[in-house]
PDB file of N, CA and C in Angstrom:
ATOM      1  N   MET A   1     127.716 115.651  30.668  1.00  0.00           N
ATOM      2  CA  MET A   1     127.764 116.831  29.824  1.00  0.00           C
ATOM      3  C   MET A   1     127.456 118.105  30.617  1.00  0.00           C
ATOM      4  N   THR A   2     126.559 118.024  31.578  1.00  0.00           N
ATOM      5  CA  THR A   2     126.207 119.193  32.368  1.00  0.00           C
ATOM      6  C   THR A   2     127.419 119.745  33.092  1.00  0.00           C
ATOM      7  N   ASP A   3     128.253 118.868  33.681  1.00  0.00           N
ATOM      8  CA  ASP A   3     129.441 119.338  34.381  1.00  0.00           C
ATOM      9  C   ASP A   3     130.392 120.054  33.441  1.00  0.00           C
ATOM     10  N   LEU A   4     130.561 119.540  32.243  1.00  0.00           N
ATOM     11  CA  LEU A   4     131.437 120.179  31.276  1.00  0.00           C
ATOM     12  C   LEU A   4     130.912 121.561  30.890  1.00  0.00           C
ATOM     13  N   ARG A   5     129.605 121.669  30.667  1.00  0.00           N
ATOM     14  CA  ARG A   5     129.012 122.986  30.369  1.00  0.00           C
ATOM     15  C   ARG A   5     129.209 123.940  31.538  1.00  0.00           C
ATOM     16  N   HIS A   6     129.024 123.408  32.748  1.00  0.00           N
ATOM     17  CA  HIS A   6     129.193 124.226  33.949  1.00  0.00           C
ATOM     18  C   HIS A   6     130.619 124.774  34.025  1.00  0.00           C
ATOM     19  N   LEU A   7     131.584 123.914  33.794  1.00  0.00           N
ATOM     20  CA  LEU A   7     132.983 124.346  33.821  1.00  0.00           C
ATOM     21  C   LEU A   7     133.287 125.342  32.703  1.00  0.00           C
ATOM     22  N   ALA A   8     132.688 125.141  31.535  1.00  0.00           N
ATOM     23  CA  ALA A   8     132.893 126.069  30.413  1.00  0.00           C
ATOM     24  C   ALA A   8     132.334 127.447  30.747  1.00  0.00           C
ATOM     25  N   VAL A   9     131.171 127.492  31.374  1.00  0.00           N
ATOM     26  CA  VAL A   9     130.578 128.769  31.773  1.00  0.00           C
ATOM     27  C   VAL A   9     131.461 129.452  32.818  1.00  0.00           C
ATOM     28  N   THR A  10     131.952 128.686  33.782  1.00  0.00           N
ATOM     29  CA  THR A  10     132.825 129.245  34.817  1.00  0.00           C
ATOM     30  C   THR A  10     134.106 129.811  34.190  1.00  0.00           C
ATOM     31  N   ALA A  11     134.695 129.076  33.260  1.00  0.00           N
ATOM     32  CA  ALA A  11     135.906 129.548  32.581  1.00  0.00           C
ATOM     33  C   ALA A  11     135.624 130.811  31.771  1.00  0.00           C
ATOM     34  N   GLU A  12     134.487 130.850  31.091  1.00  0.00           N
ATOM     35  CA  GLU A  12     134.114 132.034  30.312  1.00  0.00           C
ATOM     36  C   GLU A  12     133.952 133.251  31.218  1.00  0.00           C
ATOM     37  N   MET A  13     133.385 133.036  32.386  1.00  0.00           N
ATOM     38  CA  MET A  13     133.205 134.143  33.329  1.00  0.00           C
ATOM     39  C   MET A  13     134.559 134.696  33.772  1.00  0.00           C
ATOM     40  N   ARG A  14     135.488 133.804  34.090  1.00  0.00           N
ATOM     41  CA  ARG A  14     136.829 134.262  34.485  1.00  0.00           C
ATOM     42  C   ARG A  14     137.471 135.050  33.349  1.00  0.00           C
ATOM     43  N   TYR A  15     137.333 134.541  32.118  1.00  0.00           N
ATOM     44  CA  TYR A  15     137.872 135.228  30.948  1.00  0.00           C
ATOM     45  C   TYR A  15     137.284 136.637  30.813  1.00  0.00           C
ATOM     46  N   GLN A  16     135.955 136.749  30.893  1.00  0.00           N
ATOM     47  CA  GLN A  16     135.300 138.054  30.753  1.00  0.00           C
ATOM     48  C   GLN A  16     135.681 139.014  31.864  1.00  0.00           C
ATOM     49  N   LEU A  17     135.809 138.497  33.075  1.00  0.00           N
ATOM     50  CA  LEU A  17     136.144 139.344  34.219  1.00  0.00           C
ATOM     51  C   LEU A  17     137.625 139.717  34.252  1.00  0.00           C
ATOM     52  N   GLY A  18     138.464 138.954  33.556  1.00  0.00           N
ATOM     53  CA  GLY A  18     139.894 139.243  33.522  1.00  0.00           C
ATOM     54  C   GLY A  18     140.586 139.021  34.859  1.00  0.00           C
ATOM     55  N   ILE A  19     140.145 138.014  35.588  1.00  0.00           N
ATOM     56  CA  ILE A  19     140.713 137.749  36.920  1.00  0.00           C
ATOM     57  C   ILE A  19     141.939 136.853  36.780  1.00  0.00           C
ATOM     58  N   PRO A  20     143.090 137.272  37.329  1.00  0.00           N
ATOM     59  CA  PRO A  20     144.284 136.418  37.270  1.00  0.00           C
ATOM     60  C   PRO A  20     144.147 135.192  38.167  1.00  0.00           C
ATOM     61  N   ALA A  21     144.887 134.153  37.834  1.00  0.00           N
ATOM     62  CA  ALA A  21     144.794 132.871  38.548  1.00  0.00           C
ATOM     63  C   ALA A  21     145.062 132.992  40.034  1.00  0.00           C
ATOM     64  N   ASP A  22     145.940 133.900  40.440  1.00  0.00           N
ATOM     65  CA  ASP A  22     146.276 133.996  41.865  1.00  0.00           C
ATOM     66  C   ASP A  22     145.174 134.641  42.698  1.00  0.00           C
ATOM     67  N   ARG A  23     144.135 135.191  42.060  1.00  0.00           N
ATOM     68  CA  ARG A  23     142.992 135.757  42.797  1.00  0.00           C
ATOM     69  C   ARG A  23     141.713 134.950  42.587  1.00  0.00           C
ATOM     70  N   TRP A  24     141.783 133.797  41.913  1.00  0.00           N
ATOM     71  CA  TRP A  24     140.613 133.009  41.518  1.00  0.00           C
ATOM     72  C   TRP A  24     140.698 131.617  42.118  1.00  0.00           C
ATOM     73  N   SER A  25     139.627 131.146  42.721  1.00  0.00           N
ATOM     74  CA  SER A  25     139.582 129.781  43.265  1.00  0.00           C
ATOM     75  C   SER A  25     138.331 129.082  42.760  1.00  0.00           C
ATOM     76  N   VAL A  26     138.499 127.948  42.096  1.00  0.00           N
ATOM     77  CA  VAL A  26     137.364 127.099  41.738  1.00  0.00           C
ATOM     78  C   VAL A  26     137.107 126.231  42.951  1.00  0.00           C
ATOM     79  N   LEU A  27     135.863 126.217  43.425  1.00  0.00           N
ATOM     80  CA  LEU A  27     135.542 125.506  44.654  1.00  0.00           C
ATOM     81  C   LEU A  27     135.080 124.090  44.371  1.00  0.00           C
ATOM     82  N   ASN A  28     135.172 123.250  45.373  1.00  0.00           N
ATOM     83  CA  ASN A  28     134.803 121.831  45.282  1.00  0.00           C
ATOM     84  C   ASN A  28     133.362 121.682  44.808  1.00  0.00           C
ATOM     85  N   ARG A  29     133.153 120.789  43.825  1.00  0.00           N
ATOM     86  CA  ARG A  29     131.796 120.553  43.324  1.00  0.00           C
ATOM     87  C   ARG A  29     131.230 119.233  43.818  1.00  0.00           C
ATOM     88  N   GLY A  30     131.848 118.643  44.834  1.00  0.00           N
ATOM     89  CA  GLY A  30     131.335 117.400  45.395  1.00  0.00           C
ATOM     90  C   GLY A  30     130.030 117.617  46.142  1.00  0.00           C
ATOM     91  N   ARG A  31     129.395 116.553  46.559  1.00  0.00           N
ATOM     92  CA  ARG A  31     128.093 116.639  47.223  1.00  0.00           C
ATOM     93  C   ARG A  31     128.194 116.623  48.742  1.00  0.00           C
ATOM     94  N   THR A  32     129.389 116.644  49.293  1.00  0.00           N
ATOM     95  CA  THR A  32     129.529 116.604  50.750  1.00  0.00           C
ATOM     96  C   THR A  32     129.911 117.978  51.267  1.00  0.00           C
ATOM     97  N   ALA A  33     129.733 118.167  52.555  1.00  0.00           N
ATOM     98  CA  ALA A  33     130.150 119.425  53.173  1.00  0.00           C
ATOM     99  C   ALA A  33     131.673 119.465  53.196  1.00  0.00           C
ATOM    100  N   PHE A  34     132.239 120.651  53.124  1.00  0.00           N
ATOM    101  CA  PHE A  34     133.689 120.776  53.166  1.00  0.00           C
ATOM    102  C   PHE A  34     134.077 122.139  53.715  1.00  0.00           C
ATOM    103  N   GLN A  35     135.349 122.316  53.953  1.00  0.00           N
ATOM    104  CA  GLN A  35     135.878 123.570  54.475  1.00  0.00           C
ATOM    105  C   GLN A  35     136.475 124.388  53.327  1.00  0.00           C
ATOM    106  N   THR A  36     136.214 125.680  53.306  1.00  0.00           N
ATOM    107  CA  THR A  36     136.900 126.588  52.404  1.00  0.00           C
ATOM    108  C   THR A  36     137.111 127.903  53.137  1.00  0.00           C
ATOM    109  N   ARG A  37     138.328 128.373  53.125  1.00  0.00           N
ATOM    110  CA  ARG A  37     138.684 129.619  53.810  1.00  0.00           C
ATOM    111  C   ARG A  37     138.159 129.647  55.242  1.00  0.00           C
ATOM    112  N   GLY A  38     138.233 128.484  55.913  1.00  0.00           N
ATOM    113  CA  GLY A  38     137.838 128.405  57.313  1.00  0.00           C
ATOM    114  C   GLY A  38     136.350 128.269  57.568  1.00  0.00           C
ATOM    115  N   ARG A  39     135.527 128.128  56.509  1.00  0.00           N
ATOM    116  CA  ARG A  39     134.072 128.019  56.681  1.00  0.00           C
ATOM    117  C   ARG A  39     133.615 126.630  56.270  1.00  0.00           C
ATOM    118  N   ARG A  40     132.732 126.015  57.060  1.00  0.00           N
ATOM    119  CA  ARG A  40     132.138 124.737  56.674  1.00  0.00           C
ATOM    120  C   ARG A  40     130.933 125.051  55.800  1.00  0.00           C
ATOM    121  N   MET A  41     130.842 124.397  54.623  1.00  0.00           N
ATOM    122  CA  MET A  41     129.788 124.722  53.672  1.00  0.00           C
ATOM    123  C   MET A  41     129.148 123.458  53.118  1.00  0.00           C
ATOM    124  N   ASN A  42     127.840 123.492  52.899  1.00  0.00           N
ATOM    125  CA  ASN A  42     127.132 122.437  52.187  1.00  0.00           C
ATOM    126  C   ASN A  42     127.461 122.612  50.707  1.00  0.00           C
ATOM    127  N   ALA A  43     127.874 121.546  50.047  1.00  0.00           N
ATOM    128  CA  ALA A  43     128.347 121.647  48.666  1.00  0.00           C
ATOM    129  C   ALA A  43     127.294 122.193  47.702  1.00  0.00           C
ATOM    130  N   ASP A  44     126.015 121.951  47.940  1.00  0.00           N
ATOM    131  CA  ASP A  44     124.980 122.492  47.055  1.00  0.00           C
ATOM    132  C   ASP A  44     124.883 124.014  47.143  1.00  0.00           C
ATOM    133  N   CYS A  45     125.334 124.579  48.249  1.00  0.00           N
ATOM    134  CA  CYS A  45     125.211 126.019  48.462  1.00  0.00           C
ATOM    135  C   CYS A  45     126.559 126.724  48.406  1.00  0.00           C
ATOM    136  N   VAL A  46     127.467 126.154  47.656  1.00  0.00           N
ATOM    137  CA  VAL A  46     128.794 126.729  47.468  1.00  0.00           C
ATOM    138  C   VAL A  46     128.841 127.332  46.065  1.00  0.00           C
ATOM    139  N   PRO A  47     129.408 128.532  45.915  1.00  0.00           N
ATOM    140  CA  PRO A  47     129.536 129.063  44.554  1.00  0.00           C
ATOM    141  C   PRO A  47     130.521 128.218  43.748  1.00  0.00           C
ATOM    142  N   ASP A  48     130.449 128.340  42.440  1.00  0.00           N
ATOM    143  CA  ASP A  48     131.341 127.574  41.577  1.00  0.00           C
ATOM    144  C   ASP A  48     132.781 128.048  41.685  1.00  0.00           C
ATOM    145  N   ALA A  49     132.945 129.322  41.978  1.00  0.00           N
ATOM    146  CA  ALA A  49     134.279 129.895  42.153  1.00  0.00           C
ATOM    147  C   ALA A  49     134.135 131.132  43.035  1.00  0.00           C
ATOM    148  N   GLU A  50     135.272 131.649  43.458  1.00  0.00           N
ATOM    149  CA  GLU A  50     135.290 132.911  44.173  1.00  0.00           C
ATOM    150  C   GLU A  50     136.601 133.610  43.844  1.00  0.00           C
ATOM    151  N   TYR A  51     136.585 134.931  43.974  1.00  0.00           N
ATOM    152  CA  TYR A  51     137.811 135.688  43.751  1.00  0.00           C
ATOM    153  C   TYR A  51     137.814 136.917  44.641  1.00  0.00           C
ATOM    154  N   VAL A  52     138.992 137.469  44.822  1.00  0.00           N
ATOM    155  CA  VAL A  52     139.146 138.676  45.602  1.00  0.00           C
ATOM    156  C   VAL A  52     139.117 139.854  44.642  1.00  0.00           C
ATOM    157  N   GLY A  53     138.092 140.676  44.791  1.00  0.00           N
ATOM    158  CA  GLY A  53     137.936 141.860  43.950  1.00  0.00           C
ATOM    159  C   GLY A  53     138.149 143.120  44.765  1.00  0.00           C
ATOM    160  N   ALA A  54     137.940 144.263  44.157  1.00  0.00           N
ATOM    161  CA  ALA A  54     138.125 145.544  44.836  1.00  0.00           C
ATOM    162  C   ALA A  54     137.201 145.679  46.050  1.00  0.00           C
ATOM    163  N   ALA A  55     136.000 145.097  45.952  1.00  0.00           N
ATOM    164  CA  ALA A  55     135.028 145.197  47.043  1.00  0.00           C
ATOM    165  C   ALA A  55     135.211 144.116  48.106  1.00  0.00           C
ATOM    166  N   GLY A  56     136.102 143.166  47.871  1.00  0.00           N
ATOM    167  CA  GLY A  56     136.296 142.056  48.802  1.00  0.00           C
ATOM    168  C   GLY A  56     136.086 140.727  48.113  1.00  0.00           C
ATOM    169  N   LEU A  57     135.610 139.742  48.866  1.00  0.00           N
ATOM    170  CA  LEU A  57     135.418 138.403  48.337  1.00  0.00           C
ATOM    171  C   LEU A  57     134.139 138.339  47.492  1.00  0.00           C
ATOM    172  N   ILE A  58     134.275 137.857  46.257  1.00  0.00           N
ATOM    173  CA  ILE A  58     133.176 137.813  45.292  1.00  0.00           C
ATOM    174  C   ILE A  58     132.853 136.358  44.960  1.00  0.00           C
ATOM    175  N   ALA A  59     131.563 135.999  45.012  1.00  0.00           N
ATOM    176  CA  ALA A  59     131.102 134.659  44.627  1.00  0.00           C
ATOM    177  C   ALA A  59     130.830 134.639  43.130  1.00  0.00           C
ATOM    178  N   VAL A  60     131.160 133.518  42.491  1.00  0.00           N
ATOM    179  CA  VAL A  60     130.916 133.335  41.060  1.00  0.00           C
ATOM    180  C   VAL A  60     130.000 132.131  40.898  1.00  0.00           C
ATOM    181  N   GLU A  61     128.855 132.338  40.286  1.00  0.00           N
ATOM    182  CA  GLU A  61     127.887 131.266  40.097  1.00  0.00           C
ATOM    183  C   GLU A  61     127.626 131.068  38.610  1.00  0.00           C
ATOM    184  N   SER A  62     127.846 129.857  38.137  1.00  0.00           N
ATOM    185  CA  SER A  62     127.620 129.492  36.738  1.00  0.00           C
ATOM    186  C   SER A  62     126.279 128.783  36.646  1.00  0.00           C
ATOM    187  N   ASP A  63     125.346 129.380  35.932  1.00  0.00           N
ATOM    188  CA  ASP A  63     123.987 128.854  35.852  1.00  0.00           C
ATOM    189  C   ASP A  63     123.705 128.390  34.435  1.00  0.00           C
ATOM    190  N   THR A  64     123.609 127.073  34.266  1.00  0.00           N
ATOM    191  CA  THR A  64     123.305 126.514  32.940  1.00  0.00           C
ATOM    192  C   THR A  64     121.808 126.271  32.760  1.00  0.00           C
ATOM    193  N   GLY A  65     121.006 126.735  33.711  1.00  0.00           N
ATOM    194  CA  GLY A  65     119.562 126.625  33.607  1.00  0.00           C
ATOM    195  C   GLY A  65     118.960 125.426  34.307  1.00  0.00           C
ATOM    196  N   THR A  66     119.769 124.674  35.041  1.00  0.00           N
ATOM    197  CA  THR A  66     119.257 123.460  35.689  1.00  0.00           C
ATOM    198  C   THR A  66     118.879 123.660  37.154  1.00  0.00           C
ATOM    199  N   TYR A  67     119.200 124.810  37.735  1.00  0.00           N
ATOM    200  CA  TYR A  67     118.878 125.045  39.146  1.00  0.00           C
ATOM    201  C   TYR A  67     117.386 125.285  39.334  1.00  0.00           C
ATOM    202  N   THR A  68     116.829 124.676  40.363  1.00  0.00           N
ATOM    203  CA  THR A  68     115.443 124.961  40.731  1.00  0.00           C
ATOM    204  C   THR A  68     115.394 126.311  41.436  1.00  0.00           C
ATOM    205  N   THR A  69     114.214 126.896  41.507  1.00  0.00           N
ATOM    206  CA  THR A  69     114.043 128.156  42.224  1.00  0.00           C
ATOM    207  C   THR A  69     114.452 127.996  43.683  1.00  0.00           C
ATOM    208  N   THR A  70     114.111 126.863  44.272  1.00  0.00           N
ATOM    209  CA  THR A  70     114.472 126.610  45.672  1.00  0.00           C
ATOM    210  C   THR A  70     115.982 126.605  45.851  1.00  0.00           C
ATOM    211  N   LEU A  71     116.713 125.943  44.962  1.00  0.00           N
ATOM    212  CA  LEU A  71     118.169 125.895  45.076  1.00  0.00           C
ATOM    213  C   LEU A  71     118.778 127.277  44.867  1.00  0.00           C
ATOM    214  N   VAL A  72     118.249 128.053  43.934  1.00  0.00           N
ATOM    215  CA  VAL A  72     118.747 129.423  43.726  1.00  0.00           C
ATOM    216  C   VAL A  72     118.599 130.220  45.017  1.00  0.00           C
ATOM    217  N   LYS A  73     117.438 130.130  45.651  1.00  0.00           N
ATOM    218  CA  LYS A  73     117.209 130.860  46.906  1.00  0.00           C
ATOM    219  C   LYS A  73     118.140 130.373  48.009  1.00  0.00           C
ATOM    220  N   GLU A  74     118.340 129.064  48.102  1.00  0.00           N
ATOM    221  CA  GLU A  74     119.250 128.518  49.109  1.00  0.00           C
ATOM    222  C   GLU A  74     120.679 129.008  48.882  1.00  0.00           C
ATOM    223  N   LYS A  75     121.114 129.033  47.633  1.00  0.00           N
ATOM    224  CA  LYS A  75     122.455 129.522  47.323  1.00  0.00           C
ATOM    225  C   LYS A  75     122.598 130.980  47.738  1.00  0.00           C
ATOM    226  N   LEU A  76     121.619 131.798  47.367  1.00  0.00           N
ATOM    227  CA  LEU A  76     121.699 133.224  47.697  1.00  0.00           C
ATOM    228  C   LEU A  76     121.704 133.459  49.198  1.00  0.00           C
ATOM    229  N   GLN A  77     120.884 132.715  49.932  1.00  0.00           N
ATOM    230  CA  GLN A  77     120.882 132.841  51.391  1.00  0.00           C
ATOM    231  C   GLN A  77     122.230 132.425  51.965  1.00  0.00           C
ATOM    232  N   SER A  78     122.809 131.377  51.402  1.00  0.00           N
ATOM    233  CA  SER A  78     124.106 130.893  51.850  1.00  0.00           C
ATOM    234  C   SER A  78     125.209 131.921  51.582  1.00  0.00           C
ATOM    235  N   PHE A  79     125.130 132.629  50.462  1.00  0.00           N
ATOM    236  CA  PHE A  79     126.156 133.609  50.098  1.00  0.00           C
ATOM    237  C   PHE A  79     126.043 134.889  50.920  1.00  0.00           C
ATOM    238  N   ASP A  80     124.833 135.214  51.390  1.00  0.00           N
ATOM    239  CA  ASP A  80     124.591 136.451  52.125  1.00  0.00           C
ATOM    240  C   ASP A  80     125.475 136.505  53.371  1.00  0.00           C
ATOM    241  N   GLY A  81     126.214 137.576  53.515  1.00  0.00           N
ATOM    242  CA  GLY A  81     127.078 137.756  54.675  1.00  0.00           C
ATOM    243  C   GLY A  81     128.482 137.209  54.489  1.00  0.00           C
ATOM    244  N   ARG A  82     128.669 136.333  53.498  1.00  0.00           N
ATOM    245  CA  ARG A  82     129.999 135.777  53.244  1.00  0.00           C
ATOM    246  C   ARG A  82     130.690 136.454  52.075  1.00  0.00           C
ATOM    247  N   TYR A  83     129.886 137.016  51.160  1.00  0.00           N
ATOM    248  CA  TYR A  83     130.438 137.624  49.952  1.00  0.00           C
ATOM    249  C   TYR A  83     129.921 139.051  49.816  1.00  0.00           C
ATOM    250  N   GLN A  84     130.774 139.927  49.276  1.00  0.00           N
ATOM    251  CA  GLN A  84     130.385 141.310  49.051  1.00  0.00           C
ATOM    252  C   GLN A  84     129.536 141.444  47.790  1.00  0.00           C
ATOM    253  N   GLU A  85     129.682 140.490  46.886  1.00  0.00           N
ATOM    254  CA  GLU A  85     128.976 140.557  45.609  1.00  0.00           C
ATOM    255  C   GLU A  85     128.888 139.148  45.032  1.00  0.00           C
ATOM    256  N   ILE A  86     127.910 138.946  44.148  1.00  0.00           N
ATOM    257  CA  ILE A  86     127.790 137.701  43.397  1.00  0.00           C
ATOM    258  C   ILE A  86     127.844 138.057  41.920  1.00  0.00           C
ATOM    259  N   VAL A  87     128.657 137.332  41.164  1.00  0.00           N
ATOM    260  CA  VAL A  87     128.629 137.429  39.710  1.00  0.00           C
ATOM    261  C   VAL A  87     127.933 136.164  39.242  1.00  0.00           C
ATOM    262  N   TRP A  88     126.766 136.343  38.613  1.00  0.00           N
ATOM    263  CA  TRP A  88     125.917 135.216  38.208  1.00  0.00           C
ATOM    264  C   TRP A  88     125.919 135.138  36.684  1.00  0.00           C
ATOM    265  N   GLY A  89     126.497 134.089  36.150  1.00  0.00           N
ATOM    266  CA  GLY A  89     126.579 133.933  34.700  1.00  0.00           C
ATOM    267  C   GLY A  89     125.534 132.973  34.181  1.00  0.00           C
ATOM    268  N   THR A  90     124.912 133.340  33.071  1.00  0.00           N
ATOM    269  CA  THR A  90     123.925 132.473  32.427  1.00  0.00           C
ATOM    270  C   THR A  90     124.250 132.373  30.933  1.00  0.00           C
ATOM    271  N   VAL A  91     123.697 131.376  30.295  1.00  0.00           N
ATOM    272  CA  VAL A  91     123.877 131.216  28.846  1.00  0.00           C
ATOM    273  C   VAL A  91     122.575 131.460  28.101  1.00  0.00           C
ATOM    274  N   SER A  92     121.568 131.968  28.810  1.00  0.00           N
ATOM    275  CA  SER A  92     120.263 132.212  28.212  1.00  0.00           C
ATOM    276  C   SER A  92     119.734 133.569  28.667  1.00  0.00           C
ATOM    277  N   GLY A  93     119.373 134.396  27.694  1.00  0.00           N
ATOM    278  CA  GLY A  93     118.784 135.683  28.022  1.00  0.00           C
ATOM    279  C   GLY A  93     117.471 135.542  28.774  1.00  0.00           C
ATOM    280  N   VAL A  94     116.699 134.506  28.450  1.00  0.00           N
ATOM    281  CA  VAL A  94     115.434 134.258  29.142  1.00  0.00           C
ATOM    282  C   VAL A  94     115.695 133.926  30.608  1.00  0.00           C
ATOM    283  N   ARG A  95     116.670 133.051  30.858  1.00  0.00           N
ATOM    284  CA  ARG A  95     117.019 132.677  32.226  1.00  0.00           C
ATOM    285  C   ARG A  95     117.504 133.908  32.995  1.00  0.00           C
ATOM    286  N   GLN A  96     118.338 134.701  32.372  1.00  0.00           N
ATOM    287  CA  GLN A  96     118.850 135.895  33.030  1.00  0.00           C
ATOM    288  C   GLN A  96     117.716 136.866  33.379  1.00  0.00           C
ATOM    289  N   ALA A  97     116.777 137.045  32.473  1.00  0.00           N
ATOM    290  CA  ALA A  97     115.644 137.941  32.724  1.00  0.00           C
ATOM    291  C   ALA A  97     114.803 137.447  33.898  1.00  0.00           C
ATOM    292  N   ARG A  98     114.584 136.135  33.966  1.00  0.00           N
ATOM    293  CA  ARG A  98     113.815 135.574  35.091  1.00  0.00           C
ATOM    294  C   ARG A  98     114.529 135.812  36.413  1.00  0.00           C
ATOM    295  N   LEU A  99     115.842 135.598  36.426  1.00  0.00           N
ATOM    296  CA  LEU A  99     116.603 135.829  37.652  1.00  0.00           C
ATOM    297  C   LEU A  99     116.607 137.303  38.032  1.00  0.00           C
ATOM    298  N   LYS A 100     116.779 138.180  37.045  1.00  0.00           N
ATOM    299  CA  LYS A 100     116.790 139.618  37.315  1.00  0.00           C
ATOM    300  C   LYS A 100     115.467 140.091  37.899  1.00  0.00           C
ATOM    301  N   SER A 101     114.366 139.486  37.475  1.00  0.00           N
ATOM    302  CA  SER A 101     113.061 139.906  37.994  1.00  0.00           C
ATOM    303  C   SER A 101     112.918 139.602  39.476  1.00  0.00           C
ATOM    304  N   LYS A 102     113.739 138.693  39.969  1.00  0.00           N
ATOM    305  CA  LYS A 102     113.700 138.335  41.386  1.00  0.00           C
ATOM    306  C   LYS A 102     114.807 139.007  42.192  1.00  0.00           C
ATOM    307  N   VAL A 103     115.686 139.747  41.531  1.00  0.00           N
ATOM    308  CA  VAL A 103     116.868 140.294  42.190  1.00  0.00           C
ATOM    309  C   VAL A 103     116.522 141.302  43.285  1.00  0.00           C
ATOM    310  N   ILE A 104     115.372 141.934  43.222  1.00  0.00           N
ATOM    311  CA  ILE A 104     115.002 142.907  44.257  1.00  0.00           C
ATOM    312  C   ILE A 104     114.885 142.256  45.627  1.00  0.00           C
ATOM    313  N   ASP A 105     114.664 140.950  45.664  1.00  0.00           N
ATOM    314  CA  ASP A 105     114.564 140.241  46.930  1.00  0.00           C
ATOM    315  C   ASP A 105     115.926 139.793  47.461  1.00  0.00           C
ATOM    316  N   TRP A 106     116.967 139.927  46.654  1.00  0.00           N
ATOM    317  CA  TRP A 106     118.279 139.456  47.055  1.00  0.00           C
ATOM    318  C   TRP A 106     118.965 140.515  47.901  1.00  0.00           C
ATOM    319  N   LYS A 107     119.532 140.114  49.007  1.00  0.00           N
ATOM    320  CA  LYS A 107     120.169 141.063  49.916  1.00  0.00           C
ATOM    321  C   LYS A 107     121.569 141.455  49.465  1.00  0.00           C
ATOM    322  N   VAL A 108     122.238 140.570  48.768  1.00  0.00           N
ATOM    323  CA  VAL A 108     123.604 140.826  48.340  1.00  0.00           C
ATOM    324  C   VAL A 108     123.598 141.356  46.903  1.00  0.00           C
ATOM    325  N   ARG A 109     124.557 142.177  46.544  1.00  0.00           N
ATOM    326  CA  ARG A 109     124.633 142.762  45.205  1.00  0.00           C
ATOM    327  C   ARG A 109     124.945 141.679  44.168  1.00  0.00           C
ATOM    328  N   VAL A 110     124.198 141.687  43.066  1.00  0.00           N
ATOM    329  CA  VAL A 110     124.368 140.683  42.019  1.00  0.00           C
ATOM    330  C   VAL A 110     124.684 141.375  40.695  1.00  0.00           C
ATOM    331  N   LYS A 111     125.727 140.883  40.042  1.00  0.00           N
ATOM    332  CA  LYS A 111     126.089 141.342  38.700  1.00  0.00           C
ATOM    333  C   LYS A 111     125.864 140.163  37.757  1.00  0.00           C
ATOM    334  N   PHE A 112     125.160 140.387  36.663  1.00  0.00           N
ATOM    335  CA  PHE A 112     124.881 139.319  35.703  1.00  0.00           C
ATOM    336  C   PHE A 112     125.836 139.393  34.516  1.00  0.00           C
ATOM    337  N   LEU A 113     126.232 138.215  34.040  1.00  0.00           N
ATOM    338  CA  LEU A 113     127.080 138.113  32.851  1.00  0.00           C
ATOM    339  C   LEU A 113     126.432 137.168  31.847  1.00  0.00           C
ATOM    340  N   ASP A 114     126.535 137.528  30.572  1.00  0.00           N
ATOM    341  CA  ASP A 114     126.159 136.602  29.499  1.00  0.00           C
ATOM    342  C   ASP A 114     127.396 135.750  29.249  1.00  0.00           C
ATOM    343  N   ALA A 115     127.343 134.505  29.647  1.00  0.00           N
ATOM    344  CA  ALA A 115     128.515 133.617  29.596  1.00  0.00           C
ATOM    345  C   ALA A 115     128.394 132.598  28.465  1.00  0.00           C
ATOM    346  N   THR A 116     127.978 133.064  27.308  1.00  0.00           N
ATOM    347  CA  THR A 116     127.878 132.157  26.150  1.00  0.00           C
ATOM    348  C   THR A 116     129.266 131.922  25.593  1.00  0.00           C
ATOM    349  N   TRP A 117     129.926 130.914  26.121  1.00  0.00           N
ATOM    350  CA  TRP A 117     131.324 130.604  25.819  1.00  0.00           C
ATOM    351  C   TRP A 117     131.552 130.192  24.373  1.00  0.00           C
ATOM    352  N   TRP A 118     130.546 129.727  23.677  1.00  0.00           N
ATOM    353  CA  TRP A 118     130.732 129.228  22.315  1.00  0.00           C
ATOM    354  C   TRP A 118     130.748 130.344  21.260  1.00  0.00           C
ATOM    355  N   THR A 119     130.615 131.596  21.660  1.00  0.00           N
ATOM    356  CA  THR A 119     130.567 132.703  20.698  1.00  0.00           C
ATOM    357  C   THR A 119     131.951 133.238  20.343  1.00  0.00           C
ATOM    358  N   HIS A 120     132.999 132.747  20.982  1.00  0.00           N
ATOM    359  CA  HIS A 120     134.362 133.249  20.702  1.00  0.00           C
ATOM    360  C   HIS A 120     134.952 132.582  19.490  1.00  0.00           C
TER     361      HIS A 120
END
């Protein structure tokens, strides 16, 4: 069920952002390292999707509330230098507030989205 929720949040984010399919890539969710756009990446530290925006390559992270603080930090460190921005979607205002309180420590620009897909 968690994977389905994760995919629903990712789809909702694409819908809200209005990104066409030719600029959007859903990345591998396997547990092994893999190559994407010429970079070798640990699957735990790969964004759920990425797209090409006006500012360049943008990471998309779907957060259903199951990530530990350590994993969030590892993901952000992994994204630093590879992406111009991160769009971080959550389905909980409480979760979003907790993440926002830590955003001052993040080196890369983060945009938050309320990705409650069931409200449509």
